[in-house]
Amino acid sequence: MASQRNHSAWWRRALPVLSLGTAAGLFAASPASQAKPVEVDLKLVLATDVSGSINDEELGIEREGTAAAFADAAVIKAIQAGALGRIAVAALDFSNPEADKVTIDWHIIHDRATAMALAETIRDTPRTPGRRTSVSSALEMGTLLLEASDADIVSTRKVIDVSGDGPNNSGNPMMEIHDKTIAAGITVNGLPVMDDNANGYYPNLDKYYAACVAGGKGAFVIAVHNYKDFTAGMRHKLILEISQNDNGVKQARLAPAAPPRLLLKTAAETPTLPPAILHSGDNEFTGHCDIQGGGGGGYGGFGGFGNGRF
C-alpha cells in the first residue's frame, strides 16, 4: 500500500498544470465568460504506446493515421452532430511509468478548422523515449488528465483510448488500475495493433485488450491487423465513440480513408475495411493481465504471448 501511495503522489507531481491553451479563445467572448467551463459532448484522451517494440516508422504511421482520422469529413460530421457539437481532446505517450508524458494539451474540436489544427499538432508531436509497456500507467495518467481539467472543461462522457502492441509488463497491477478507472466513470476503449510483420507482434492481443484494458459504459476494442489499416481503424473507432452508435461508422465505410503519408513497404495496398468490433468482457485473459505477475516482469510465456517480439 505504501508503494502505491508513493506512486500516486509521483503522478500528481509529474502531471503538468493544464490549461485550455489555444482552445480558450474559441468560446471566451468576455472576461466573465472566461470563468465559465466549456461544455462538450465528450472528453477524450488518446494514449499511445511508445515502448521499445514500436519503432519510429510504425509510430510515424500511427501519428499520421490519427491525424488523418481527425481531419476526415465523417469524423468532423460526427462531432458536429452531437448535442453541443464539440468535443475536447488531449493526448499522452506511455511506456515505462517514469517516462510517460502528456504530449498534447486540451483542444476543443468543433469544425474543420479546429480538427485540422489538432491533426497538424498530432503530426508534429515528437516521440517520447520509453522502453517497457505500462498500460496501467496510461490509465492512471489519463484519469488524472481528465480530472485535472474538470474546472475548465465539463462533459458527462469521459473516454481514454489506448493504442498499443503489447500487454502490461510494468507499473501497477493492470486490473487494479483498470477497475479504479472504470469506477471513476471513465470508459476505456482499445485499438490494439496486431501486425505480424511489424517490430512487435502479440497473438490474441485483441482478447487481452477486451478482458484487461477496455471497460466502462459502451466500451469496445477494434484491432488493427496491419499498419496500413491504422487510419481506417482509428477513424472507425472515433466515429463510433463520438456518435455512440454504428450509423456514422456505416456511412464512413462508403468513402475510403485518406492514406497516411508514412507507410511501411508492405503497406502499399489499398487498406481493407476496419475489422469487427470486439466488446469488452471476460475471456481467457481475465485475472491474468500482467506479464509474469506485473510490476516490471519480462515478456514471454504468458497466455499466448510467447511468440511476441520486443
C-alpha atoms as a PDB file:
ATOM      1  CA  MET A   1       0.000   0.000   0.000  1.00  0.00           C
ATOM      2  CA  ALA A   2       2.863   2.374   0.805  1.00  0.00           C
ATOM      3  CA  SER A   3       4.419   1.909  -2.617  1.00  0.00           C
ATOM      4  CA  GLN A   4       1.027   2.506  -4.209  1.00  0.00           C
ATOM      5  CA  ARG A   5       0.578   5.784  -2.296  1.00  0.00           C
ATOM      6  CA  ASN A   6       4.076   6.905  -3.313  1.00  0.00           C
ATOM      7  CA  HIS A   7       3.320   6.034  -6.925  1.00  0.00           C
ATOM      8  CA  SER A   8       0.108   8.084  -6.888  1.00  0.00           C
ATOM      9  CA  ALA A   9       1.927  11.026  -5.336  1.00  0.00           C
ATOM     10  CA  TRP A  10       4.578  10.815  -8.053  1.00  0.00           C
ATOM     11  CA  TRP A  11       1.869  11.052 -10.721  1.00  0.00           C
ATOM     12  CA  ARG A  12       0.435  14.176  -9.152  1.00  0.00           C
ATOM     13  CA  ARG A  13       3.867  15.791  -9.132  1.00  0.00           C
ATOM     14  CA  ALA A  14       4.535  14.703 -12.710  1.00  0.00           C
ATOM     15  CA  LEU A  15       1.264  15.905 -14.209  1.00  0.00           C
ATOM     16  CA  PRO A  16       1.739  19.378 -15.722  1.00  0.00           C
ATOM     17  CA  VAL A  17      -0.519  22.327 -14.942  1.00  0.00           C
ATOM     18  CA  LEU A  18      -3.177  22.138 -17.643  1.00  0.00           C
ATOM     19  CA  SER A  19      -4.936  24.908 -19.465  1.00  0.00           C
ATOM     20  CA  LEU A  20      -7.296  25.208 -22.405  1.00  0.00           C
ATOM     21  CA  GLY A  21      -4.412  26.554 -24.486  1.00  0.00           C
ATOM     22  CA  THR A  22      -5.485  27.562 -27.977  1.00  0.00           C
ATOM     23  CA  ALA A  23      -8.997  26.326 -27.259  1.00  0.00           C
ATOM     24  CA  ALA A  24      -9.654  29.053 -24.694  1.00  0.00           C
ATOM     25  CA  GLY A  25     -10.289  31.731 -27.309  1.00  0.00           C
ATOM     26  CA  LEU A  26     -12.949  29.733 -29.136  1.00  0.00           C
ATOM     27  CA  PHE A  27     -15.742  30.467 -26.686  1.00  0.00           C
ATOM     28  CA  ALA A  28     -14.427  33.299 -24.477  1.00  0.00           C
ATOM     29  CA  ALA A  29     -16.127  36.469 -25.657  1.00  0.00           C
ATOM     30  CA  SER A  30     -15.665  38.397 -22.413  1.00  0.00           C
ATOM     31  CA  PRO A  31     -13.768  38.217 -19.102  1.00  0.00           C
ATOM     32  CA  ALA A  32     -16.922  36.893 -17.453  1.00  0.00           C
ATOM     33  CA  SER A  33     -17.267  34.079 -19.979  1.00  0.00           C
ATOM     34  CA  GLN A  34     -13.655  33.029 -19.442  1.00  0.00           C
ATOM     35  CA  ALA A  35     -14.526  31.956 -15.893  1.00  0.00           C
ATOM     36  CA  LYS A  36     -17.152  29.540 -17.137  1.00  0.00           C
ATOM     37  CA  PRO A  37     -16.123  25.972 -18.040  1.00  0.00           C
ATOM     38  CA  VAL A  38     -16.549  24.867 -21.632  1.00  0.00           C
ATOM     39  CA  GLU A  39     -19.226  22.201 -22.040  1.00  0.00           C
ATOM     40  CA  VAL A  40     -18.506  19.444 -24.556  1.00  0.00           C
ATOM     41  CA  ASP A  41     -20.142  16.209 -25.652  1.00  0.00           C
ATOM     42  CA  LEU A  42     -17.013  14.146 -24.959  1.00  0.00           C
ATOM     43  CA  LYS A  43     -13.648  14.490 -23.212  1.00  0.00           C
ATOM     44  CA  LEU A  44     -11.219  12.150 -24.962  1.00  0.00           C
ATOM     45  CA  VAL A  45      -7.649  11.215 -24.010  1.00  0.00           C
ATOM     46  CA  LEU A  46      -5.553   9.460 -26.672  1.00  0.00           C
ATOM     47  CA  ALA A  47      -2.954   7.195 -25.015  1.00  0.00           C
ATOM     48  CA  THR A  48      -0.262   5.956 -27.420  1.00  0.00           C
ATOM     49  CA  ASP A  49       2.208   3.158 -26.698  1.00  0.00           C
ATOM     50  CA  VAL A  50       5.798   4.298 -27.411  1.00  0.00           C
ATOM     51  CA  SER A  51       7.577   1.285 -25.916  1.00  0.00           C
ATOM     52  CA  GLY A  52      10.642  -0.304 -27.482  1.00  0.00           C
ATOM     53  CA  SER A  53       8.574  -2.751 -29.543  1.00  0.00           C
ATOM     54  CA  ILE A  54       7.245   0.119 -31.684  1.00  0.00           C
ATOM     55  CA  ASN A  55       9.872   1.573 -33.994  1.00  0.00           C
ATOM     56  CA  ASP A  56       9.959   5.121 -35.342  1.00  0.00           C
ATOM     57  CA  GLU A  57       8.391   4.210 -38.681  1.00  0.00           C
ATOM     58  CA  GLU A  58       5.492   2.415 -37.007  1.00  0.00           C
ATOM     59  CA  LEU A  59       4.908   5.297 -34.596  1.00  0.00           C
ATOM     60  CA  GLY A  60       5.029   7.699 -37.544  1.00  0.00           C
ATOM     61  CA  ILE A  61       2.249   5.718 -39.214  1.00  0.00           C
ATOM     62  CA  GLU A  62       0.193   5.877 -36.022  1.00  0.00           C
ATOM     63  CA  ARG A  63       0.707   9.638 -35.668  1.00  0.00           C
ATOM     64  CA  GLU A  64      -0.199  10.259 -39.296  1.00  0.00           C
ATOM     65  CA  GLY A  65      -3.126   7.839 -39.150  1.00  0.00           C
ATOM     66  CA  THR A  66      -4.557   9.543 -36.068  1.00  0.00           C
ATOM     67  CA  ALA A  67      -4.123  12.966 -37.670  1.00  0.00           C
ATOM     68  CA  ALA A  68      -5.795  11.808 -40.896  1.00  0.00           C
ATOM     69  CA  ALA A  69      -8.703  10.327 -38.934  1.00  0.00           C
ATOM     70  CA  PHE A  70      -9.427  13.601 -37.110  1.00  0.00           C
ATOM     71  CA  ALA A  71      -9.249  15.511 -40.422  1.00  0.00           C
ATOM     72  CA  ASP A  72     -11.709  13.090 -42.042  1.00  0.00           C
ATOM     73  CA  ALA A  73     -15.058  14.635 -43.041  1.00  0.00           C
ATOM     74  CA  ALA A  74     -17.033  11.779 -41.458  1.00  0.00           C
ATOM     75  CA  VAL A  75     -15.331  12.268 -38.088  1.00  0.00           C
ATOM     76  CA  ILE A  76     -15.947  16.036 -38.184  1.00  0.00           C
ATOM     77  CA  LYS A  77     -19.580  15.378 -39.108  1.00  0.00           C
ATOM     78  CA  ALA A  78     -19.943  13.019 -36.126  1.00  0.00           C
ATOM     79  CA  ILE A  79     -18.534  15.706 -33.818  1.00  0.00           C
ATOM     80  CA  GLN A  80     -20.893  18.382 -35.134  1.00  0.00           C
ATOM     81  CA  ALA A  81     -23.888  16.035 -34.854  1.00  0.00           C
ATOM     82  CA  GLY A  82     -23.548  15.913 -31.075  1.00  0.00           C
ATOM     83  CA  ALA A  83     -25.881  17.790 -28.759  1.00  0.00           C
ATOM     84  CA  LEU A  84     -23.266  20.535 -28.249  1.00  0.00           C
ATOM     85  CA  GLY A  85     -21.354  19.947 -31.482  1.00  0.00           C
ATOM     86  CA  ARG A  86     -17.903  19.887 -29.905  1.00  0.00           C
ATOM     87  CA  ILE A  87     -15.502  17.539 -28.115  1.00  0.00           C
ATOM     88  CA  ALA A  88     -12.279  18.019 -26.130  1.00  0.00           C
ATOM     89  CA  VAL A  89      -9.160  16.014 -26.998  1.00  0.00           C
ATOM     90  CA  ALA A  90      -5.791  15.596 -25.245  1.00  0.00           C
ATOM     91  CA  ALA A  91      -3.011  13.047 -25.743  1.00  0.00           C
ATOM     92  CA  LEU A  92      -0.240  11.238 -23.878  1.00  0.00           C
ATOM     93  CA  ASP A  93       2.581   8.827 -24.710  1.00  0.00           C
ATOM     94  CA  PHE A  94       3.129   5.838 -22.408  1.00  0.00           C
ATOM     95  CA  SER A  95       5.827   3.225 -21.916  1.00  0.00           C
ATOM     96  CA  ASN A  96       7.519   2.690 -18.542  1.00  0.00           C
ATOM     97  CA  PRO A  97       5.727   4.851 -15.925  1.00  0.00           C
ATOM     98  CA  GLU A  98       8.556   7.290 -15.217  1.00  0.00           C
ATOM     99  CA  ALA A  99       8.775   8.147 -18.933  1.00  0.00           C
ATOM    100  CA  ASP A 100       5.058   8.773 -19.540  1.00  0.00           C
ATOM    101  CA  LYS A 101       4.264  12.253 -20.799  1.00  0.00           C
ATOM    102  CA  VAL A 102       1.272  14.417 -21.685  1.00  0.00           C
ATOM    103  CA  THR A 103       2.097  15.355 -25.286  1.00  0.00           C
ATOM    104  CA  ILE A 104      -0.957  17.424 -26.319  1.00  0.00           C
ATOM    105  CA  ASP A 105      -2.924  19.700 -24.013  1.00  0.00           C
ATOM    106  CA  TRP A 106      -6.687  20.016 -24.373  1.00  0.00           C
ATOM    107  CA  HIS A 107      -8.030  21.088 -27.764  1.00  0.00           C
ATOM    108  CA  ILE A 108     -11.702  21.868 -28.388  1.00  0.00           C
ATOM    109  CA  ILE A 109     -12.778  20.432 -31.752  1.00  0.00           C
ATOM    110  CA  HIS A 110     -15.997  21.760 -33.303  1.00  0.00           C
ATOM    111  CA  ASP A 111     -15.350  22.278 -37.034  1.00  0.00           C
ATOM    112  CA  ARG A 112     -12.936  21.515 -39.845  1.00  0.00           C
ATOM    113  CA  ALA A 113     -10.501  24.286 -38.892  1.00  0.00           C
ATOM    114  CA  THR A 114     -10.104  23.087 -35.291  1.00  0.00           C
ATOM    115  CA  ALA A 115      -9.890  19.454 -36.443  1.00  0.00           C
ATOM    116  CA  MET A 116      -7.149  20.306 -38.944  1.00  0.00           C
ATOM    117  CA  ALA A 117      -5.255  22.252 -36.274  1.00  0.00           C
ATOM    118  CA  LEU A 118      -5.325  19.206 -33.995  1.00  0.00           C
ATOM    119  CA  ALA A 119      -4.243  16.982 -36.890  1.00  0.00           C
ATOM    120  CA  GLU A 120      -1.164  19.132 -37.508  1.00  0.00           C
ATOM    121  CA  THR A 121      -0.337  19.135 -33.792  1.00  0.00           C
ATOM    122  CA  ILE A 122      -0.504  15.339 -33.755  1.00  0.00           C
ATOM    123  CA  ARG A 123       1.779  15.108 -36.805  1.00  0.00           C
ATOM    124  CA  ASP A 124       4.299  17.455 -35.185  1.00  0.00           C
ATOM    125  CA  THR A 125       4.407  15.620 -31.835  1.00  0.00           C
ATOM    126  CA  PRO A 126       7.899  14.181 -31.269  1.00  0.00           C
ATOM    127  CA  ARG A 127       8.412  10.705 -29.858  1.00  0.00           C
ATOM    128  CA  THR A 128       8.664  10.316 -26.088  1.00  0.00           C
ATOM    129  CA  PRO A 129      11.545   7.951 -25.164  1.00  0.00           C
ATOM    130  CA  GLY A 130      10.498   4.730 -23.454  1.00  0.00           C
ATOM    131  CA  ARG A 131      11.145   1.013 -23.267  1.00  0.00           C
ATOM    132  CA  ARG A 132       8.566  -1.053 -21.410  1.00  0.00           C
ATOM    133  CA  THR A 133       4.749  -1.194 -21.691  1.00  0.00           C
ATOM    134  CA  SER A 134       2.783   0.109 -18.713  1.00  0.00           C
ATOM    135  CA  VAL A 135      -0.826   0.220 -19.851  1.00  0.00           C
ATOM    136  CA  SER A 136      -1.819   0.672 -16.209  1.00  0.00           C
ATOM    137  CA  SER A 137       0.174   3.903 -16.001  1.00  0.00           C
ATOM    138  CA  ALA A 138      -1.544   5.136 -19.185  1.00  0.00           C
ATOM    139  CA  LEU A 139      -4.893   4.744 -17.428  1.00  0.00           C
ATOM    140  CA  GLU A 140      -3.545   6.465 -14.312  1.00  0.00           C
ATOM    141  CA  MET A 141      -2.222   9.466 -16.209  1.00  0.00           C
ATOM    142  CA  GLY A 142      -5.294   9.583 -18.444  1.00  0.00           C
ATOM    143  CA  THR A 143      -7.554   9.653 -15.376  1.00  0.00           C
ATOM    144  CA  LEU A 144      -5.563  12.484 -13.789  1.00  0.00           C
ATOM    145  CA  LEU A 145      -5.584  14.389 -17.075  1.00  0.00           C
ATOM    146  CA  LEU A 146      -9.366  14.116 -17.284  1.00  0.00           C
ATOM    147  CA  GLU A 147      -9.943  15.030 -13.643  1.00  0.00           C
ATOM    148  CA  ALA A 148      -7.475  17.936 -13.638  1.00  0.00           C
ATOM    149  CA  SER A 149      -9.413  19.587 -16.472  1.00  0.00           C
ATOM    150  CA  ASP A 150     -12.848  19.371 -14.842  1.00  0.00           C
ATOM    151  CA  ALA A 151     -12.790  23.009 -13.706  1.00  0.00           C
ATOM    152  CA  ASP A 152     -12.234  24.144 -17.305  1.00  0.00           C
ATOM    153  CA  ILE A 153     -13.973  21.514 -19.439  1.00  0.00           C
ATOM    154  CA  VAL A 154     -17.202  19.735 -18.487  1.00  0.00           C
ATOM    155  CA  SER A 155     -18.655  16.600 -20.059  1.00  0.00           C
ATOM    156  CA  THR A 156     -20.893  13.746 -18.980  1.00  0.00           C
ATOM    157  CA  ARG A 157     -18.730  11.386 -21.044  1.00  0.00           C
ATOM    158  CA  LYS A 158     -15.045  10.733 -20.425  1.00  0.00           C
ATOM    159  CA  VAL A 159     -13.047   8.278 -22.540  1.00  0.00           C
ATOM    160  CA  ILE A 160      -9.442   7.053 -22.621  1.00  0.00           C
ATOM    161  CA  ASP A 161      -8.348   5.463 -25.910  1.00  0.00           C
ATOM    162  CA  VAL A 162      -5.397   3.086 -25.637  1.00  0.00           C
ATOM    163  CA  SER A 163      -3.394   2.215 -28.779  1.00  0.00           C
ATOM    164  CA  GLY A 164      -0.569  -0.287 -28.344  1.00  0.00           C
ATOM    165  CA  ASP A 165       1.067  -3.515 -29.447  1.00  0.00           C
ATOM    166  CA  GLY A 166       1.574  -5.379 -26.170  1.00  0.00           C
ATOM    167  CA  PRO A 167       0.219  -6.262 -22.716  1.00  0.00           C
ATOM    168  CA  ASN A 168       1.014  -4.629 -19.381  1.00  0.00           C
ATOM    169  CA  ASN A 169       4.518  -5.524 -18.172  1.00  0.00           C
ATOM    170  CA  SER A 170       5.411  -2.575 -15.943  1.00  0.00           C
ATOM    171  CA  GLY A 171       3.883  -0.303 -13.321  1.00  0.00           C
ATOM    172  CA  ASN A 172       0.935  -1.037 -11.043  1.00  0.00           C
ATOM    173  CA  PRO A 173      -1.209  -4.172 -11.480  1.00  0.00           C
ATOM    174  CA  MET A 174      -3.403  -3.829 -14.553  1.00  0.00           C
ATOM    175  CA  MET A 175      -6.768  -4.937 -13.169  1.00  0.00           C
ATOM    176  CA  GLU A 176      -6.443  -2.854 -10.021  1.00  0.00           C
ATOM    177  CA  ILE A 177      -5.958   0.335 -12.074  1.00  0.00           C
ATOM    178  CA  HIS A 178      -8.492  -0.777 -14.687  1.00  0.00           C
ATOM    179  CA  ASP A 179     -11.198  -1.179 -12.029  1.00  0.00           C
ATOM    180  CA  LYS A 180     -10.372   2.188 -10.415  1.00  0.00           C
ATOM    181  CA  THR A 181     -10.583   3.901 -13.799  1.00  0.00           C
ATOM    182  CA  ILE A 182     -13.977   2.406 -14.575  1.00  0.00           C
ATOM    183  CA  ALA A 183     -15.225   3.229 -11.059  1.00  0.00           C
ATOM    184  CA  ALA A 184     -14.352   6.879 -11.738  1.00  0.00           C
ATOM    185  CA  GLY A 185     -16.939   6.897 -14.535  1.00  0.00           C
ATOM    186  CA  ILE A 186     -14.379   6.717 -17.331  1.00  0.00           C
ATOM    187  CA  THR A 187     -14.805   4.468 -20.379  1.00  0.00           C
ATOM    188  CA  VAL A 188     -11.677   2.831 -21.798  1.00  0.00           C
ATOM    189  CA  ASN A 189     -11.620   1.767 -25.464  1.00  0.00           C
ATOM    190  CA  GLY A 190      -8.790  -0.087 -27.184  1.00  0.00           C
ATOM    191  CA  LEU A 191      -7.047  -0.080 -30.552  1.00  0.00           C
ATOM    192  CA  PRO A 192      -4.503  -2.935 -30.334  1.00  0.00           C
ATOM    193  CA  VAL A 193      -2.053  -3.234 -33.230  1.00  0.00           C
ATOM    194  CA  MET A 194      -1.514  -6.857 -34.286  1.00  0.00           C
ATOM    195  CA  ASP A 195       0.685  -6.728 -37.391  1.00  0.00           C
ATOM    196  CA  ASP A 196       2.667  -9.971 -37.607  1.00  0.00           C
ATOM    197  CA  ASN A 197       5.185  -8.308 -39.947  1.00  0.00           C
ATOM    198  CA  ALA A 198       5.847  -5.450 -37.546  1.00  0.00           C
ATOM    199  CA  ASN A 199       8.546  -4.875 -34.962  1.00  0.00           C
ATOM    200  CA  GLY A 200       6.296  -6.197 -32.200  1.00  0.00           C
ATOM    201  CA  TYR A 201       3.546  -8.814 -32.514  1.00  0.00           C
ATOM    202  CA  TYR A 202       1.407 -10.480 -29.830  1.00  0.00           C
ATOM    203  CA  PRO A 203      -1.232 -13.074 -30.798  1.00  0.00           C
ATOM    204  CA  ASN A 204      -4.632 -12.643 -29.128  1.00  0.00           C
ATOM    205  CA  LEU A 205      -3.853  -9.072 -28.112  1.00  0.00           C
ATOM    206  CA  ASP A 206      -7.406  -8.100 -29.067  1.00  0.00           C
ATOM    207  CA  LYS A 207      -8.752 -10.564 -26.498  1.00  0.00           C
ATOM    208  CA  TYR A 208      -6.283  -9.248 -23.924  1.00  0.00           C
ATOM    209  CA  TYR A 209      -7.494  -5.695 -24.544  1.00  0.00           C
ATOM    210  CA  ALA A 210     -11.128  -6.828 -24.257  1.00  0.00           C
ATOM    211  CA  ALA A 211     -10.529  -8.531 -20.906  1.00  0.00           C
ATOM    212  CA  CYS A 212      -7.876  -6.312 -19.314  1.00  0.00           C
ATOM    213  CA  VAL A 213      -7.866  -2.841 -20.904  1.00  0.00           C
ATOM    214  CA  ALA A 214     -11.313  -1.862 -22.208  1.00  0.00           C
ATOM    215  CA  GLY A 215     -14.145  -1.252 -19.780  1.00  0.00           C
ATOM    216  CA  GLY A 216     -16.959   1.040 -18.750  1.00  0.00           C
ATOM    217  CA  LYS A 217     -20.197   2.018 -20.456  1.00  0.00           C
ATOM    218  CA  GLY A 218     -20.223   1.007 -24.128  1.00  0.00           C
ATOM    219  CA  ALA A 219     -16.524   0.027 -24.125  1.00  0.00           C
ATOM    220  CA  PHE A 220     -15.149  -1.741 -27.195  1.00  0.00           C
ATOM    221  CA  VAL A 221     -11.961  -2.866 -28.936  1.00  0.00           C
ATOM    222  CA  ILE A 222     -11.049  -2.523 -32.621  1.00  0.00           C
ATOM    223  CA  ALA A 223      -7.929  -4.449 -33.599  1.00  0.00           C
ATOM    224  CA  VAL A 224      -5.630  -3.342 -36.433  1.00  0.00           C
ATOM    225  CA  HIS A 225      -4.032  -6.369 -38.118  1.00  0.00           C
ATOM    226  CA  ASN A 226      -1.808  -4.400 -40.482  1.00  0.00           C
ATOM    227  CA  TYR A 227      -0.295  -0.946 -40.096  1.00  0.00           C
ATOM    228  CA  LYS A 228      -1.766   0.002 -43.466  1.00  0.00           C
ATOM    229  CA  ASP A 229      -5.187  -0.238 -41.794  1.00  0.00           C
ATOM    230  CA  PHE A 230      -4.386   2.050 -38.864  1.00  0.00           C
ATOM    231  CA  THR A 231      -6.044   5.155 -40.328  1.00  0.00           C
ATOM    232  CA  ALA A 232      -9.247   3.256 -41.133  1.00  0.00           C
ATOM    233  CA  GLY A 233      -9.274   1.611 -37.712  1.00  0.00           C
ATOM    234  CA  MET A 234      -8.779   4.917 -35.888  1.00  0.00           C
ATOM    235  CA  ARG A 235     -11.483   6.621 -37.961  1.00  0.00           C
ATOM    236  CA  HIS A 236     -13.857   3.724 -37.331  1.00  0.00           C
ATOM    237  CA  LYS A 237     -13.210   3.959 -33.589  1.00  0.00           C
ATOM    238  CA  LEU A 238     -13.543   7.748 -33.359  1.00  0.00           C
ATOM    239  CA  ILE A 239     -16.870   7.845 -35.188  1.00  0.00           C
ATOM    240  CA  LEU A 240     -18.278   5.051 -33.043  1.00  0.00           C
ATOM    241  CA  GLU A 241     -17.303   6.572 -29.706  1.00  0.00           C
ATOM    242  CA  ILE A 242     -18.252  10.126 -30.716  1.00  0.00           C
ATOM    243  CA  SER A 243     -21.665   9.162 -32.116  1.00  0.00           C
ATOM    244  CA  GLN A 244     -22.251   6.214 -29.715  1.00  0.00           C
ATOM    245  CA  ASN A 245     -23.863   4.200 -32.494  1.00  0.00           C
ATOM    246  CA  ASP A 246     -22.977   2.320 -35.679  1.00  0.00           C
ATOM    247  CA  ASN A 247     -24.776   4.626 -38.132  1.00  0.00           C
ATOM    248  CA  GLY A 248     -21.857   7.007 -38.544  1.00  0.00           C
ATOM    249  CA  VAL A 249     -19.466   4.098 -38.939  1.00  0.00           C
ATOM    250  CA  LYS A 250     -21.564   2.513 -41.684  1.00  0.00           C
ATOM    251  CA  GLN A 251     -21.699   5.836 -43.544  1.00  0.00           C
ATOM    252  CA  ALA A 252     -17.952   6.299 -43.168  1.00  0.00           C
ATOM    253  CA  ARG A 253     -17.322   2.945 -44.832  1.00  0.00           C
ATOM    254  CA  LEU A 254     -18.759   4.292 -48.073  1.00  0.00           C
ATOM    255  CA  ALA A 255     -15.753   6.584 -48.561  1.00  0.00           C
ATOM    256  CA  PRO A 256     -12.183   5.266 -48.259  1.00  0.00           C
ATOM    257  CA  ALA A 257      -9.955   6.803 -45.615  1.00  0.00           C
ATOM    258  CA  ALA A 258      -7.160   9.035 -46.855  1.00  0.00           C
ATOM    259  CA  PRO A 259      -3.899   7.025 -46.915  1.00  0.00           C
ATOM    260  CA  PRO A 260      -1.259   8.100 -44.382  1.00  0.00           C
ATOM    261  CA  ARG A 261       1.842   9.911 -45.617  1.00  0.00           C
ATOM    262  CA  LEU A 262       4.140   7.388 -43.969  1.00  0.00           C
ATOM    263  CA  LEU A 263       3.736   3.756 -44.978  1.00  0.00           C
ATOM    264  CA  LEU A 264       5.640   0.553 -44.379  1.00  0.00           C
ATOM    265  CA  LYS A 265       6.978  -1.110 -47.516  1.00  0.00           C
ATOM    266  CA  THR A 266       4.261  -3.740 -47.123  1.00  0.00           C
ATOM    267  CA  ALA A 267       1.521  -1.114 -46.809  1.00  0.00           C
ATOM    268  CA  ALA A 268       1.180  -0.006 -50.409  1.00  0.00           C
ATOM    269  CA  GLU A 269      -2.011  -1.994 -50.903  1.00  0.00           C
ATOM    270  CA  THR A 270      -5.444  -0.422 -50.564  1.00  0.00           C
ATOM    271  CA  PRO A 271      -6.496  -0.521 -46.877  1.00  0.00           C
ATOM    272  CA  THR A 272      -9.142  -3.081 -46.024  1.00  0.00           C
ATOM    273  CA  LEU A 273     -12.340  -2.227 -44.163  1.00  0.00           C
ATOM    274  CA  PRO A 274     -11.995  -1.899 -40.394  1.00  0.00           C
ATOM    275  CA  PRO A 275     -12.422  -5.192 -38.504  1.00  0.00           C
ATOM    276  CA  ALA A 276     -15.452  -6.099 -36.461  1.00  0.00           C
ATOM    277  CA  ILE A 277     -15.939  -4.549 -33.050  1.00  0.00           C
ATOM    278  CA  LEU A 278     -14.983  -6.653 -30.036  1.00  0.00           C
ATOM    279  CA  HIS A 279     -16.838  -5.542 -26.916  1.00  0.00           C
ATOM    280  CA  SER A 280     -15.116  -5.579 -23.540  1.00  0.00           C
ATOM    281  CA  GLY A 281     -15.717  -8.633 -21.384  1.00  0.00           C
ATOM    282  CA  ASP A 282     -14.300 -11.720 -19.769  1.00  0.00           C
ATOM    283  CA  ASN A 283     -12.230 -14.273 -21.669  1.00  0.00           C
ATOM    284  CA  GLU A 284      -9.186 -16.466 -21.024  1.00  0.00           C
ATOM    285  CA  PHE A 285      -7.110 -13.418 -20.015  1.00  0.00           C
ATOM    286  CA  THR A 286      -9.454 -12.299 -17.251  1.00  0.00           C
ATOM    287  CA  GLY A 287      -7.496 -12.244 -13.998  1.00  0.00           C
ATOM    288  CA  HIS A 288      -4.192 -12.709 -15.837  1.00  0.00           C
ATOM    289  CA  CYS A 289      -3.483  -9.196 -17.065  1.00  0.00           C
ATOM    290  CA  ASP A 290       0.158  -8.716 -16.028  1.00  0.00           C
ATOM    291  CA  ILE A 291       3.192 -10.339 -17.635  1.00  0.00           C
ATOM    292  CA  GLN A 292       4.864 -12.634 -15.059  1.00  0.00           C
ATOM    293  CA  GLY A 293       2.834 -11.045 -12.280  1.00  0.00           C
ATOM    294  CA  GLY A 294       3.233  -7.435 -13.449  1.00  0.00           C
ATOM    295  CA  GLY A 295       5.327  -4.810 -11.729  1.00  0.00           C
ATOM    296  CA  GLY A 296       8.049  -4.934 -14.365  1.00  0.00           C
ATOM    297  CA  GLY A 297       8.076  -8.609 -15.358  1.00  0.00           C
ATOM    298  CA  GLY A 298       9.531  -9.571 -18.743  1.00  0.00           C
ATOM    299  CA  TYR A 299       7.842 -10.730 -21.927  1.00  0.00           C
ATOM    300  CA  GLY A 300       7.234 -14.302 -22.862  1.00  0.00           C
ATOM    301  CA  GLY A 301       5.355 -17.354 -21.608  1.00  0.00           C
ATOM    302  CA  PHE A 302       2.088 -15.544 -20.964  1.00  0.00           C
ATOM    303  CA  GLY A 303      -1.254 -16.857 -22.192  1.00  0.00           C
ATOM    304  CA  GLY A 304      -0.487 -16.939 -25.918  1.00  0.00           C
ATOM    305  CA  PHE A 305       2.099 -14.133 -25.934  1.00  0.00           C
ATOM    306  CA  GLY A 306       5.108 -16.438 -26.051  1.00  0.00           C
ATOM    307  CA  ASN A 307       5.737 -15.597 -29.714  1.00  0.00           C
ATOM    308  CA  GLY A 308       5.953 -11.875 -29.011  1.00  0.00           C
ATOM    309  CA  ARG A 309       8.960  -9.881 -30.205  1.00  0.00           C
ATOM    310  CA  PHE A 310      10.376  -6.957 -28.251  1.00  0.00           C
END
